[in-house]
Amino acid sequence: MGESINSGSISGGAIQAGGAIVSTIITSAFAKADATAQRDLQDELARLSLDQQKELETHLQTVQGEVEKQKIVYQYLADKNKQDALNSMKSKRYTSYIILGGGIILLAGVVILLSRKKHE
């Protein structure tokens, strides 16, 4: 019985070690592919003429500017939607308070009228 438990834990350890090795191999393969792609991109950029590099830089700045503009617009819209939701909740709360206050005043009026009728 003791042998089956030990052999099970040994095979489990072997599976974990094998999984770790496979994971390491896959990770290093992706890292190598990324490094190769990065070197290729740098080589392509180095081959560009000065005018092409300037044009690429201008285009990059334009794209980054557009992304920043979109980020600002999205943030504004998110803040506006949040504020609209808060205002809606406040409006509903005030309406509830008004209805509750009106109900209390009406109930007080009925109680007063009933108490006057009892005394008559």
PDB file of N, CA and C in Angstrom:
ATOM      1  N   MET A   1       0.823  -1.183   0.000  1.00  0.00           N
ATOM      2  CA  MET A   1       0.000   0.000   0.000  1.00  0.00           C
ATOM      3  C   MET A   1       0.870   1.252   0.000  1.00  0.00           C
ATOM      4  N   GLY A   2       1.913   1.272   0.823  1.00  0.00           N
ATOM      5  CA  GLY A   2       2.798   2.419   0.903  1.00  0.00           C
ATOM      6  C   GLY A   2       3.506   2.680  -0.407  1.00  0.00           C
ATOM      7  N   GLU A   3       3.754   1.595  -1.186  1.00  0.00           N
ATOM      8  CA  GLU A   3       4.437   1.766  -2.462  1.00  0.00           C
ATOM      9  C   GLU A   3       3.570   2.496  -3.476  1.00  0.00           C
ATOM     10  N   SER A   4       2.244   2.238  -3.483  1.00  0.00           N
ATOM     11  CA  SER A   4       1.376   2.892  -4.458  1.00  0.00           C
ATOM     12  C   SER A   4       1.256   4.379  -4.179  1.00  0.00           C
ATOM     13  N   ILE A   5       1.249   4.742  -2.902  1.00  0.00           N
ATOM     14  CA  ILE A   5       1.182   6.166  -2.560  1.00  0.00           C
ATOM     15  C   ILE A   5       2.458   6.865  -3.007  1.00  0.00           C
ATOM     16  N   ASN A   6       3.609   6.266  -2.729  1.00  0.00           N
ATOM     17  CA  ASN A   6       4.882   6.871  -3.114  1.00  0.00           C
ATOM     18  C   ASN A   6       5.029   6.935  -4.621  1.00  0.00           C
ATOM     19  N   SER A   7       4.634   5.885  -5.336  1.00  0.00           N
ATOM     20  CA  SER A   7       4.771   5.904  -6.782  1.00  0.00           C
ATOM     21  C   SER A   7       3.824   6.927  -7.401  1.00  0.00           C
ATOM     22  N   GLY A   8       2.643   7.131  -6.775  1.00  0.00           N
ATOM     23  CA  GLY A   8       1.714   8.151  -7.260  1.00  0.00           C
ATOM     24  C   GLY A   8       2.289   9.540  -7.083  1.00  0.00           C
ATOM     25  N   SER A   9       2.924   9.790  -5.952  1.00  0.00           N
ATOM     26  CA  SER A   9       3.499  11.117  -5.732  1.00  0.00           C
ATOM     27  C   SER A   9       4.731  11.331  -6.596  1.00  0.00           C
ATOM     28  N   ILE A  10       5.456  10.243  -6.870  1.00  0.00           N
ATOM     29  CA  ILE A  10       6.628  10.373  -7.740  1.00  0.00           C
ATOM     30  C   ILE A  10       6.174  10.690  -9.163  1.00  0.00           C
ATOM     31  N   SER A  11       5.155   9.982  -9.648  1.00  0.00           N
ATOM     32  CA  SER A  11       4.688  10.256 -11.011  1.00  0.00           C
ATOM     33  C   SER A  11       4.061  11.641 -11.099  1.00  0.00           C
ATOM     34  N   GLY A  12       3.368  12.076 -10.025  1.00  0.00           N
ATOM     35  CA  GLY A  12       2.816  13.435 -10.000  1.00  0.00           C
ATOM     36  C   GLY A  12       3.926  14.470 -10.071  1.00  0.00           C
ATOM     37  N   GLY A  13       5.016  14.227  -9.352  1.00  0.00           N
ATOM     38  CA  GLY A  13       6.162  15.137  -9.390  1.00  0.00           C
ATOM     39  C   GLY A  13       6.809  15.161 -10.755  1.00  0.00           C
ATOM     40  N   ALA A  14       6.856  13.996 -11.392  1.00  0.00           N
ATOM     41  CA  ALA A  14       7.433  13.916 -12.732  1.00  0.00           C
ATOM     42  C   ALA A  14       6.575  14.680 -13.736  1.00  0.00           C
ATOM     43  N   ILE A  15       5.261  14.572 -13.570  1.00  0.00           N
ATOM     44  CA  ILE A  15       4.347  15.303 -14.463  1.00  0.00           C
ATOM     45  C   ILE A  15       4.514  16.801 -14.276  1.00  0.00           C
ATOM     46  N   GLN A  16       4.618  17.238 -13.014  1.00  0.00           N
ATOM     47  CA  GLN A  16       4.813  18.665 -12.752  1.00  0.00           C
ATOM     48  C   GLN A  16       6.133  19.153 -13.335  1.00  0.00           C
ATOM     49  N   ALA A  17       7.186  18.352 -13.169  1.00  0.00           N
ATOM     50  CA  ALA A  17       8.495  18.739 -13.706  1.00  0.00           C
ATOM     51  C   ALA A  17       8.440  18.794 -15.225  1.00  0.00           C
ATOM     52  N   GLY A  18       7.776  17.815 -15.830  1.00  0.00           N
ATOM     53  CA  GLY A  18       7.627  17.816 -17.283  1.00  0.00           C
ATOM     54  C   GLY A  18       6.845  19.025 -17.761  1.00  0.00           C
ATOM     55  N   GLY A  19       5.775  19.372 -17.019  1.00  0.00           N
ATOM     56  CA  GLY A  19       4.978  20.551 -17.366  1.00  0.00           C
ATOM     57  C   GLY A  19       5.800  21.823 -17.279  1.00  0.00           C
ATOM     58  N   ALA A  20       6.627  21.911 -16.249  1.00  0.00           N
ATOM     59  CA  ALA A  20       7.469  23.096 -16.084  1.00  0.00           C
ATOM     60  C   ALA A  20       8.472  23.203 -17.227  1.00  0.00           C
ATOM     61  N   ILE A  21       9.024  22.065 -17.642  1.00  0.00           N
ATOM     62  CA  ILE A  21       9.995  22.073 -18.742  1.00  0.00           C
ATOM     63  C   ILE A  21       9.322  22.503 -20.043  1.00  0.00           C
ATOM     64  N   VAL A  22       8.142  21.942 -20.318  1.00  0.00           N
ATOM     65  CA  VAL A  22       7.405  22.310 -21.532  1.00  0.00           C
ATOM     66  C   VAL A  22       7.050  23.794 -21.507  1.00  0.00           C
ATOM     67  N   SER A  23       6.613  24.283 -20.352  1.00  0.00           N
ATOM     68  CA  SER A  23       6.268  25.698 -20.210  1.00  0.00           C
ATOM     69  C   SER A  23       7.482  26.582 -20.485  1.00  0.00           C
ATOM     70  N   THR A  24       8.614  26.197 -19.962  1.00  0.00           N
ATOM     71  CA  THR A  24       9.846  26.959 -20.171  1.00  0.00           C
ATOM     72  C   THR A  24      10.235  26.975 -21.644  1.00  0.00           C
ATOM     73  N   ILE A  25      10.097  25.841 -22.307  1.00  0.00           N
ATOM     74  CA  ILE A  25      10.435  25.760 -23.735  1.00  0.00           C
ATOM     75  C   ILE A  25       9.524  26.664 -24.556  1.00  0.00           C
ATOM     76  N   ILE A  26       8.227  26.611 -24.270  1.00  0.00           N
ATOM     77  CA  ILE A  26       7.269  27.436 -25.010  1.00  0.00           C
ATOM     78  C   ILE A  26       7.539  28.920 -24.775  1.00  0.00           C
ATOM     79  N   THR A  27       7.774  29.281 -23.513  1.00  0.00           N
ATOM     80  CA  THR A  27       8.053  30.686 -23.179  1.00  0.00           C
ATOM     81  C   THR A  27       9.305  31.179 -23.888  1.00  0.00           C
ATOM     82  N   SER A  28      10.353  30.359 -23.881  1.00  0.00           N
ATOM     83  CA  SER A  28      11.594  30.793 -24.536  1.00  0.00           C
ATOM     84  C   SER A  28      11.415  30.878 -26.051  1.00  0.00           C
ATOM     85  N   ALA A  29      10.579  29.998 -26.631  1.00  0.00           N
ATOM     86  CA  ALA A  29      10.325  30.063 -28.081  1.00  0.00           C
ATOM     87  C   ALA A  29       9.613  31.363 -28.432  1.00  0.00           C
ATOM     88  N   PHE A  30       8.599  31.748 -27.628  1.00  0.00           N
ATOM     89  CA  PHE A  30       7.902  33.007 -27.880  1.00  0.00           C
ATOM     90  C   PHE A  30       8.832  34.195 -27.678  1.00  0.00           C
ATOM     91  N   ALA A  31       9.670  34.147 -26.651  1.00  0.00           N
ATOM     92  CA  ALA A  31      10.607  35.244 -26.393  1.00  0.00           C
ATOM     93  C   ALA A  31      11.590  35.380 -27.558  1.00  0.00           C
ATOM     94  N   LYS A  32      12.039  34.239 -28.088  1.00  0.00           N
ATOM     95  CA  LYS A  32      12.978  34.269 -29.220  1.00  0.00           C
ATOM     96  C   LYS A  32      12.297  34.854 -30.453  1.00  0.00           C
ATOM     97  N   ALA A  33      11.034  34.462 -30.678  1.00  0.00           N
ATOM     98  CA  ALA A  33      10.298  34.996 -31.827  1.00  0.00           C
ATOM     99  C   ALA A  33      10.081  36.506 -31.679  1.00  0.00           C
ATOM    100  N   ASP A  34       9.759  36.951 -30.459  1.00  0.00           N
ATOM    101  CA  ASP A  34       9.580  38.385 -30.216  1.00  0.00           C
ATOM    102  C   ASP A  34      10.888  39.138 -30.433  1.00  0.00           C
ATOM    103  N   ALA A  35      11.983  38.575 -29.963  1.00  0.00           N
ATOM    104  CA  ALA A  35      13.283  39.228 -30.120  1.00  0.00           C
ATOM    105  C   ALA A  35      13.655  39.306 -31.601  1.00  0.00           C
ATOM    106  N   THR A  36      13.363  38.251 -32.344  1.00  0.00           N
ATOM    107  CA  THR A  36      13.651  38.245 -33.777  1.00  0.00           C
ATOM    108  C   THR A  36      12.816  39.308 -34.492  1.00  0.00           C
ATOM    109  N   ALA A  37      11.540  39.374 -34.155  1.00  0.00           N
ATOM    110  CA  ALA A  37      10.662  40.382 -34.771  1.00  0.00           C
ATOM    111  C   ALA A  37      11.135  41.784 -34.425  1.00  0.00           C
ATOM    112  N   GLN A  38      11.583  41.997 -33.194  1.00  0.00           N
ATOM    113  CA  GLN A  38      12.082  43.308 -32.763  1.00  0.00           C
ATOM    114  C   GLN A  38      13.339  43.684 -33.543  1.00  0.00           C
ATOM    115  N   ARG A  39      14.251  42.715 -33.716  1.00  0.00           N
ATOM    116  CA  ARG A  39      15.475  42.991 -34.492  1.00  0.00           C
ATOM    117  C   ARG A  39      15.136  43.302 -35.950  1.00  0.00           C
ATOM    118  N   ASP A  40      14.195  42.545 -36.520  1.00  0.00           N
ATOM    119  CA  ASP A  40      13.789  42.797 -37.908  1.00  0.00           C
ATOM    120  C   ASP A  40      13.204  44.195 -38.058  1.00  0.00           C
ATOM    121  N   LEU A  41      12.394  44.599 -37.116  1.00  0.00           N
ATOM    122  CA  LEU A  41      11.801  45.935 -37.156  1.00  0.00           C
ATOM    123  C   LEU A  41      12.881  47.008 -37.052  1.00  0.00           C
ATOM    124  N   GLN A  42      13.822  46.808 -36.149  1.00  0.00           N
ATOM    125  CA  GLN A  42      14.914  47.774 -36.013  1.00  0.00           C
ATOM    126  C   GLN A  42      15.746  47.851 -37.292  1.00  0.00           C
ATOM    127  N   ASP A  43      15.980  46.696 -37.925  1.00  0.00           N
ATOM    128  CA  ASP A  43      16.721  46.695 -39.187  1.00  0.00           C
ATOM    129  C   ASP A  43      15.969  47.458 -40.270  1.00  0.00           C
ATOM    130  N   GLU A  44      14.655  47.234 -40.346  1.00  0.00           N
ATOM    131  CA  GLU A  44      13.833  47.937 -41.340  1.00  0.00           C
ATOM    132  C   GLU A  44      13.864  49.444 -41.086  1.00  0.00           C
ATOM    133  N   LEU A  45      13.757  49.845 -39.831  1.00  0.00           N
ATOM    134  CA  LEU A  45      13.798  51.272 -39.497  1.00  0.00           C
ATOM    135  C   LEU A  45      15.159  51.876 -39.848  1.00  0.00           C
ATOM    136  N   ALA A  46      16.218  51.120 -39.644  1.00  0.00           N
ATOM    137  CA  ALA A  46      17.565  51.622 -39.954  1.00  0.00           C
ATOM    138  C   ALA A  46      17.738  51.817 -41.458  1.00  0.00           C
ATOM    139  N   ARG A  47      17.036  51.015 -42.273  1.00  0.00           N
ATOM    140  CA  ARG A  47      17.150  51.120 -43.728  1.00  0.00           C
ATOM    141  C   ARG A  47      16.335  52.268 -44.308  1.00  0.00           C
ATOM    142  N   LEU A  48      15.461  52.845 -43.528  1.00  0.00           N
ATOM    143  CA  LEU A  48      14.642  53.948 -44.040  1.00  0.00           C
ATOM    144  C   LEU A  48      15.502  55.186 -44.257  1.00  0.00           C
ATOM    145  N   SER A  49      15.118  55.971 -45.217  1.00  0.00           N
ATOM    146  CA  SER A  49      15.822  57.230 -45.442  1.00  0.00           C
ATOM    147  C   SER A  49      15.429  58.212 -44.340  1.00  0.00           C
ATOM    148  N   LEU A  50      16.165  59.298 -44.256  1.00  0.00           N
ATOM    149  CA  LEU A  50      15.897  60.303 -43.231  1.00  0.00           C
ATOM    150  C   LEU A  50      14.490  60.878 -43.396  1.00  0.00           C
ATOM    151  N   ASP A  51      14.097  61.142 -44.647  1.00  0.00           N
ATOM    152  CA  ASP A  51      12.751  61.660 -44.907  1.00  0.00           C
ATOM    153  C   ASP A  51      11.682  60.655 -44.486  1.00  0.00           C
ATOM    154  N   GLN A  52      11.915  59.380 -44.781  1.00  0.00           N
ATOM    155  CA  GLN A  52      10.953  58.347 -44.395  1.00  0.00           C
ATOM    156  C   GLN A  52      10.862  58.233 -42.873  1.00  0.00           C
ATOM    157  N   GLN A  53      11.999  58.357 -42.190  1.00  0.00           N
ATOM    158  CA  GLN A  53      12.001  58.302 -40.729  1.00  0.00           C
ATOM    159  C   GLN A  53      11.226  59.479 -40.145  1.00  0.00           C
ATOM    160  N   LYS A  54      11.423  60.681 -40.732  1.00  0.00           N
ATOM    161  CA  LYS A  54      10.697  61.859 -40.263  1.00  0.00           C
ATOM    162  C   LYS A  54       9.198  61.694 -40.497  1.00  0.00           C
ATOM    163  N   GLU A  55       8.848  61.166 -41.678  1.00  0.00           N
ATOM    164  CA  GLU A  55       7.435  60.952 -42.001  1.00  0.00           C
ATOM    165  C   GLU A  55       6.809  59.945 -41.035  1.00  0.00           C
ATOM    166  N   LEU A  56       7.551  58.889 -40.750  1.00  0.00           N
ATOM    167  CA  LEU A  56       7.070  57.878 -39.806  1.00  0.00           C
ATOM    168  C   LEU A  56       6.891  58.482 -38.409  1.00  0.00           C
ATOM    169  N   GLU A  57       7.820  59.303 -37.980  1.00  0.00           N
ATOM    170  CA  GLU A  57       7.734  59.954 -36.668  1.00  0.00           C
ATOM    171  C   GLU A  57       6.534  60.893 -36.603  1.00  0.00           C
ATOM    172  N   THR A  58       6.317  61.657 -37.687  1.00  0.00           N
ATOM    173  CA  THR A  58       5.163  62.554 -37.742  1.00  0.00           C
ATOM    174  C   THR A  58       3.867  61.767 -37.666  1.00  0.00           C
ATOM    175  N   HIS A  59       3.806  60.681 -38.410  1.00  0.00           N
ATOM    176  CA  HIS A  59       2.613  59.837 -38.397  1.00  0.00           C
ATOM    177  C   HIS A  59       2.395  59.240 -37.001  1.00  0.00           C
ATOM    178  N   LEU A  60       3.472  58.807 -36.364  1.00  0.00           N
ATOM    179  CA  LEU A  60       3.375  58.245 -35.005  1.00  0.00           C
ATOM    180  C   LEU A  60       2.842  59.292 -34.030  1.00  0.00           C
ATOM    181  N   GLN A  61       3.329  60.516 -34.133  1.00  0.00           N
ATOM    182  CA  GLN A  61       2.849  61.580 -33.250  1.00  0.00           C
ATOM    183  C   GLN A  61       1.378  61.876 -33.500  1.00  0.00           C
ATOM    184  N   THR A  62       0.971  61.854 -34.768  1.00  0.00           N
ATOM    185  CA  THR A  62      -0.436  62.091 -35.109  1.00  0.00           C
ATOM    186  C   THR A  62      -1.314  61.001 -34.504  1.00  0.00           C
ATOM    187  N   VAL A  63      -0.883  59.766 -34.647  1.00  0.00           N
ATOM    188  CA  VAL A  63      -1.650  58.641 -34.095  1.00  0.00           C
ATOM    189  C   VAL A  63      -1.719  58.744 -32.581  1.00  0.00           C
ATOM    190  N   GLN A  64      -0.590  59.057 -31.955  1.00  0.00           N
ATOM    191  CA  GLN A  64      -0.581  59.190 -30.495  1.00  0.00           C
ATOM    192  C   GLN A  64      -1.485  60.335 -30.053  1.00  0.00           C
ATOM    193  N   GLY A  65      -1.488  61.426 -30.826  1.00  0.00           N
ATOM    194  CA  GLY A  65      -2.362  62.554 -30.515  1.00  0.00           C
ATOM    195  C   GLY A  65      -3.824  62.153 -30.623  1.00  0.00           C
ATOM    196  N   GLU A  66      -4.166  61.380 -31.657  1.00  0.00           N
ATOM    197  CA  GLU A  66      -5.542  60.917 -31.831  1.00  0.00           C
ATOM    198  C   GLU A  66      -5.948  59.992 -30.686  1.00  0.00           C
ATOM    199  N   VAL A  67      -5.029  59.130 -30.278  1.00  0.00           N
ATOM    200  CA  VAL A  67      -5.324  58.219 -29.164  1.00  0.00           C
ATOM    201  C   VAL A  67      -5.573  59.025 -27.889  1.00  0.00           C
ATOM    202  N   GLU A  68      -4.766  60.045 -27.658  1.00  0.00           N
ATOM    203  CA  GLU A  68      -4.948  60.888 -26.471  1.00  0.00           C
ATOM    204  C   GLU A  68      -6.287  61.621 -26.536  1.00  0.00           C
ATOM    205  N   LYS A  69      -6.631  62.122 -27.737  1.00  0.00           N
ATOM    206  CA  LYS A  69      -7.920  62.805 -27.893  1.00  0.00           C
ATOM    207  C   LYS A  69      -9.068  61.855 -27.577  1.00  0.00           C
ATOM    208  N   GLN A  70      -8.991  60.639 -28.119  1.00  0.00           N
ATOM    209  CA  GLN A  70     -10.046  59.653 -27.854  1.00  0.00           C
ATOM    210  C   GLN A  70     -10.115  59.307 -26.372  1.00  0.00           C
ATOM    211  N   LYS A  71      -8.954  59.203 -25.746  1.00  0.00           N
ATOM    212  CA  LYS A  71      -8.925  58.896 -24.320  1.00  0.00           C
ATOM    213  C   LYS A  71      -9.615  60.013 -23.519  1.00  0.00           C
ATOM    214  N   ILE A  72      -9.350  61.260 -23.895  1.00  0.00           N
ATOM    215  CA  ILE A  72      -9.979  62.396 -23.212  1.00  0.00           C
ATOM    216  C   ILE A  72     -11.482  62.391 -23.431  1.00  0.00           C
ATOM    217  N   VAL A  73     -11.916  62.127 -24.669  1.00  0.00           N
ATOM    218  CA  VAL A  73     -13.351  62.090 -24.973  1.00  0.00           C
ATOM    219  C   VAL A  73     -14.030  60.973 -24.191  1.00  0.00           C
ATOM    220  N   TYR A  74     -13.421  59.786 -24.187  1.00  0.00           N
ATOM    221  CA  TYR A  74     -14.011  58.668 -23.449  1.00  0.00           C
ATOM    222  C   TYR A  74     -14.092  58.969 -21.959  1.00  0.00           C
ATOM    223  N   GLN A  75     -13.058  59.598 -21.413  1.00  0.00           N
ATOM    224  CA  GLN A  75     -13.073  59.944 -19.984  1.00  0.00           C
ATOM    225  C   GLN A  75     -14.173  60.958 -19.698  1.00  0.00           C
ATOM    226  N   TYR A  76     -14.325  61.952 -20.589  1.00  0.00           N
ATOM    227  CA  TYR A  76     -15.379  62.952 -20.418  1.00  0.00           C
ATOM    228  C   TYR A  76     -16.746  62.287 -20.450  1.00  0.00           C
ATOM    229  N   LEU A  77     -16.950  61.397 -21.438  1.00  0.00           N
ATOM    230  CA  LEU A  77     -18.247  60.722 -21.545  1.00  0.00           C
ATOM    231  C   LEU A  77     -18.517  59.835 -20.332  1.00  0.00           C
ATOM    232  N   ALA A  78     -17.496  59.167 -19.835  1.00  0.00           N
ATOM    233  CA  ALA A  78     -17.669  58.326 -18.648  1.00  0.00           C
ATOM    234  C   ALA A  78     -18.044  59.188 -17.436  1.00  0.00           C
ATOM    235  N   ASP A  79     -17.356  60.322 -17.279  1.00  0.00           N
ATOM    236  CA  ASP A  79     -17.675  61.220 -16.166  1.00  0.00           C
ATOM    237  C   ASP A  79     -19.086  61.787 -16.309  1.00  0.00           C
ATOM    238  N   LYS A  80     -19.461  62.146 -17.535  1.00  0.00           N
ATOM    239  CA  LYS A  80     -20.795  62.698 -17.775  1.00  0.00           C
ATOM    240  C   LYS A  80     -21.872  61.656 -17.472  1.00  0.00           C
ATOM    241  N   ASN A  81     -21.673  60.432 -17.944  1.00  0.00           N
ATOM    242  CA  ASN A  81     -22.641  59.372 -17.662  1.00  0.00           C
ATOM    243  C   ASN A  81     -22.763  59.108 -16.165  1.00  0.00           C
ATOM    244  N   LYS A  82     -21.643  59.142 -15.467  1.00  0.00           N
ATOM    245  CA  LYS A  82     -21.654  58.940 -14.016  1.00  0.00           C
ATOM    246  C   LYS A  82     -22.429  60.064 -13.343  1.00  0.00           C
ATOM    247  N   GLN A  83     -22.167  61.300 -13.766  1.00  0.00           N
ATOM    248  CA  GLN A  83     -22.859  62.449 -13.179  1.00  0.00           C
ATOM    249  C   GLN A  83     -24.353  62.398 -13.486  1.00  0.00           C
ATOM    250  N   ASP A  84     -24.717  62.029 -14.722  1.00  0.00           N
ATOM    251  CA  ASP A  84     -26.138  61.904 -15.083  1.00  0.00           C
ATOM    252  C   ASP A  84     -26.832  60.850 -14.221  1.00  0.00           C
ATOM    253  N   ALA A  85     -26.152  59.732 -13.983  1.00  0.00           N
ATOM    254  CA  ALA A  85     -26.733  58.680 -13.150  1.00  0.00           C
ATOM    255  C   ALA A  85     -26.921  59.168 -11.719  1.00  0.00           C
ATOM    256  N   LEU A  86     -25.937  59.900 -11.192  1.00  0.00           N
ATOM    257  CA  LEU A  86     -26.056  60.438  -9.835  1.00  0.00           C
ATOM    258  C   LEU A  86     -27.196  61.455  -9.742  1.00  0.00           C
ATOM    259  N   ASN A  87     -27.304  62.314 -10.761  1.00  0.00           N
ATOM    260  CA  ASN A  87     -28.382  63.303 -10.768  1.00  0.00           C
ATOM    261  C   ASN A  87     -29.739  62.625 -10.833  1.00  0.00           C
ATOM    262  N   SER A  88     -29.848  61.570 -11.607  1.00  0.00           N
ATOM    263  CA  SER A  88     -31.099  60.831 -11.714  1.00  0.00           C
ATOM    264  C   SER A  88     -31.467  60.209 -10.367  1.00  0.00           C
ATOM    265  N   MET A  89     -30.473  59.648  -9.685  1.00  0.00           N
ATOM    266  CA  MET A  89     -30.733  59.054  -8.371  1.00  0.00           C
ATOM    267  C   MET A  89     -31.173  60.122  -7.373  1.00  0.00           C
ATOM    268  N   LYS A  90     -30.518  61.282  -7.407  1.00  0.00           N
ATOM    269  CA  LYS A  90     -30.898  62.369  -6.494  1.00  0.00           C
ATOM    270  C   LYS A  90     -32.316  62.835  -6.783  1.00  0.00           C
ATOM    271  N   SER A  91     -32.648  62.955  -8.058  1.00  0.00           N
ATOM    272  CA  SER A  91     -33.987  63.388  -8.443  1.00  0.00           C
ATOM    273  C   SER A  91     -35.036  62.406  -7.937  1.00  0.00           C
ATOM    274  N   LYS A  92     -34.791  61.137  -8.099  1.00  0.00           N
ATOM    275  CA  LYS A  92     -35.730  60.118  -7.616  1.00  0.00           C
ATOM    276  C   LYS A  92     -35.836  60.158  -6.099  1.00  0.00           C
ATOM    277  N   ARG A  93     -34.717  60.392  -5.436  1.00  0.00           N
ATOM    278  CA  ARG A  93     -34.720  60.467  -3.971  1.00  0.00           C
ATOM    279  C   ARG A  93     -35.563  61.665  -3.512  1.00  0.00           C
ATOM    280  N   TYR A  94     -35.356  62.821  -4.140  1.00  0.00           N
ATOM    281  CA  TYR A  94     -36.136  64.008  -3.768  1.00  0.00           C
ATOM    282  C   TYR A  94     -37.616  63.802  -4.040  1.00  0.00           C
ATOM    283  N   THR A  95     -37.936  63.166  -5.168  1.00  0.00           N
ATOM    284  CA  THR A  95     -39.338  62.869  -5.470  1.00  0.00           C
ATOM    285  C   THR A  95     -39.933  61.968  -4.390  1.00  0.00           C
ATOM    286  N   SER A  96     -39.183  60.982  -3.967  1.00  0.00           N
ATOM    287  CA  SER A  96     -39.654  60.092  -2.899  1.00  0.00           C
ATOM    288  C   SER A  96     -39.881  60.870  -1.609  1.00  0.00           C
ATOM    289  N   TYR A  97     -38.969  61.775  -1.281  1.00  0.00           N
ATOM    290  CA  TYR A  97     -39.129  62.592  -0.066  1.00  0.00           C
ATOM    291  C   TYR A  97     -40.390  63.454  -0.155  1.00  0.00           C
ATOM    292  N   ILE A  98     -40.640  64.045  -1.324  1.00  0.00           N
ATOM    293  CA  ILE A  98     -41.815  64.890  -1.504  1.00  0.00           C
ATOM    294  C   ILE A  98     -43.087  64.067  -1.336  1.00  0.00           C
ATOM    295  N   ILE A  99     -43.111  62.878  -1.959  1.00  0.00           N
ATOM    296  CA  ILE A  99     -44.300  62.022  -1.839  1.00  0.00           C
ATOM    297  C   ILE A  99     -44.494  61.581  -0.391  1.00  0.00           C
ATOM    298  N   LEU A 100     -43.410  61.205   0.269  1.00  0.00           N
ATOM    299  CA  LEU A 100     -43.496  60.796   1.670  1.00  0.00           C
ATOM    300  C   LEU A 100     -43.972  61.957   2.544  1.00  0.00           C
ATOM    301  N   GLY A 101     -43.436  63.142   2.321  1.00  0.00           N
ATOM    302  CA  GLY A 101     -43.859  64.324   3.095  1.00  0.00           C
ATOM    303  C   GLY A 101     -45.325  64.638   2.852  1.00  0.00           C
ATOM    304  N   GLY A 102     -45.751  64.567   1.578  1.00  0.00           N
ATOM    305  CA  GLY A 102     -47.168  64.806   1.275  1.00  0.00           C
ATOM    306  C   GLY A 102     -48.064  63.778   1.948  1.00  0.00           C
ATOM    307  N   GLY A 103     -47.634  62.521   1.961  1.00  0.00           N
ATOM    308  CA  GLY A 103     -48.406  61.469   2.629  1.00  0.00           C
ATOM    309  C   GLY A 103     -48.517  61.717   4.121  1.00  0.00           C
ATOM    310  N   ILE A 104     -47.451  62.167   4.734  1.00  0.00           N
ATOM    311  CA  ILE A 104     -47.471  62.453   6.179  1.00  0.00           C
ATOM    312  C   ILE A 104     -48.414  63.616   6.468  1.00  0.00           C
ATOM    313  N   ILE A 105     -48.342  64.655   5.648  1.00  0.00           N
ATOM    314  CA  ILE A 105     -49.236  65.812   5.856  1.00  0.00           C
ATOM    315  C   ILE A 105     -50.691  65.393   5.666  1.00  0.00           C
ATOM    316  N   LEU A 106     -50.969  64.599   4.641  1.00  0.00           N
ATOM    317  CA  LEU A 106     -52.328  64.114   4.394  1.00  0.00           C
ATOM    318  C   LEU A 106     -52.809  63.247   5.557  1.00  0.00           C
ATOM    319  N   LEU A 107     -51.954  62.364   6.056  1.00  0.00           N
ATOM    320  CA  LEU A 107     -52.312  61.514   7.194  1.00  0.00           C
ATOM    321  C   LEU A 107     -52.572  62.367   8.432  1.00  0.00           C
ATOM    322  N   ALA A 108     -51.744  63.372   8.658  1.00  0.00           N
ATOM    323  CA  ALA A 108     -51.956  64.256   9.806  1.00  0.00           C
ATOM    324  C   ALA A 108     -53.285  64.990   9.671  1.00  0.00           C
ATOM    325  N   GLY A 109     -53.611  65.430   8.446  1.00  0.00           N
ATOM    326  CA  GLY A 109     -54.897  66.103   8.225  1.00  0.00           C
ATOM    327  C   GLY A 109     -56.068  65.181   8.503  1.00  0.00           C
ATOM    328  N   VAL A 110     -55.974  63.935   8.076  1.00  0.00           N
ATOM    329  CA  VAL A 110     -57.051  62.972   8.333  1.00  0.00           C
ATOM    330  C   VAL A 110     -57.181  62.717   9.826  1.00  0.00           C
ATOM    331  N   VAL A 111     -56.068  62.570  10.525  1.00  0.00           N
ATOM    332  CA  VAL A 111     -56.105  62.344  11.980  1.00  0.00           C
ATOM    333  C   VAL A 111     -56.746  63.542  12.678  1.00  0.00           C
ATOM    334  N   ILE A 112     -56.395  64.746  12.277  1.00  0.00           N
ATOM    335  CA  ILE A 112     -56.978  65.953  12.887  1.00  0.00           C
ATOM    336  C   ILE A 112     -58.488  65.992  12.624  1.00  0.00           C
ATOM    337  N   LEU A 113     -58.891  65.736  11.371  1.00  0.00           N
ATOM    338  CA  LEU A 113     -60.330  65.739  11.051  1.00  0.00           C
ATOM    339  C   LEU A 113     -61.085  64.686  11.850  1.00  0.00           C
ATOM    340  N   LEU A 114     -60.529  63.508  11.981  1.00  0.00           N
ATOM    341  CA  LEU A 114     -61.176  62.441  12.743  1.00  0.00           C
ATOM    342  C   LEU A 114     -61.268  62.797  14.234  1.00  0.00           C
ATOM    343  N   SER A 115     -60.206  63.401  14.741  1.00  0.00           N
ATOM    344  CA  SER A 115     -60.248  63.764  16.168  1.00  0.00           C
ATOM    345  C   SER A 115     -61.259  64.873  16.418  1.00  0.00           C
ATOM    346  N   ARG A 116     -61.477  65.792  15.476  1.00  0.00           N
ATOM    347  CA  ARG A 116     -62.485  66.852  15.610  1.00  0.00           C
ATOM    348  C   ARG A 116     -63.892  66.251  15.555  1.00  0.00           C
ATOM    349  N   LYS A 117     -64.103  65.286  14.661  1.00  0.00           N
ATOM    350  CA  LYS A 117     -65.418  64.655  14.547  1.00  0.00           C
ATOM    351  C   LYS A 117     -65.758  63.889  15.827  1.00  0.00           C
ATOM    352  N   LYS A 118     -64.774  63.269  16.449  1.00  0.00           N
ATOM    353  CA  LYS A 118     -65.018  62.545  17.687  1.00  0.00           C
ATOM    354  C   LYS A 118     -65.421  63.490  18.800  1.00  0.00           C
ATOM    355  N   HIS A 119     -64.874  64.681  18.862  1.00  0.00           N
ATOM    356  CA  HIS A 119     -65.151  65.656  19.913  1.00  0.00           C
ATOM    357  C   HIS A 119     -66.470  66.379  19.684  1.00  0.00           C
ATOM    358  N   GLU A 120     -67.032  66.317  18.510  1.00  0.00           N
ATOM    359  CA  GLU A 120     -68.294  67.028  18.217  1.00  0.00           C
ATOM    360  C   GLU A 120     -69.458  66.286  18.679  1.00  0.00           C
TER     361      GLU A 120
END
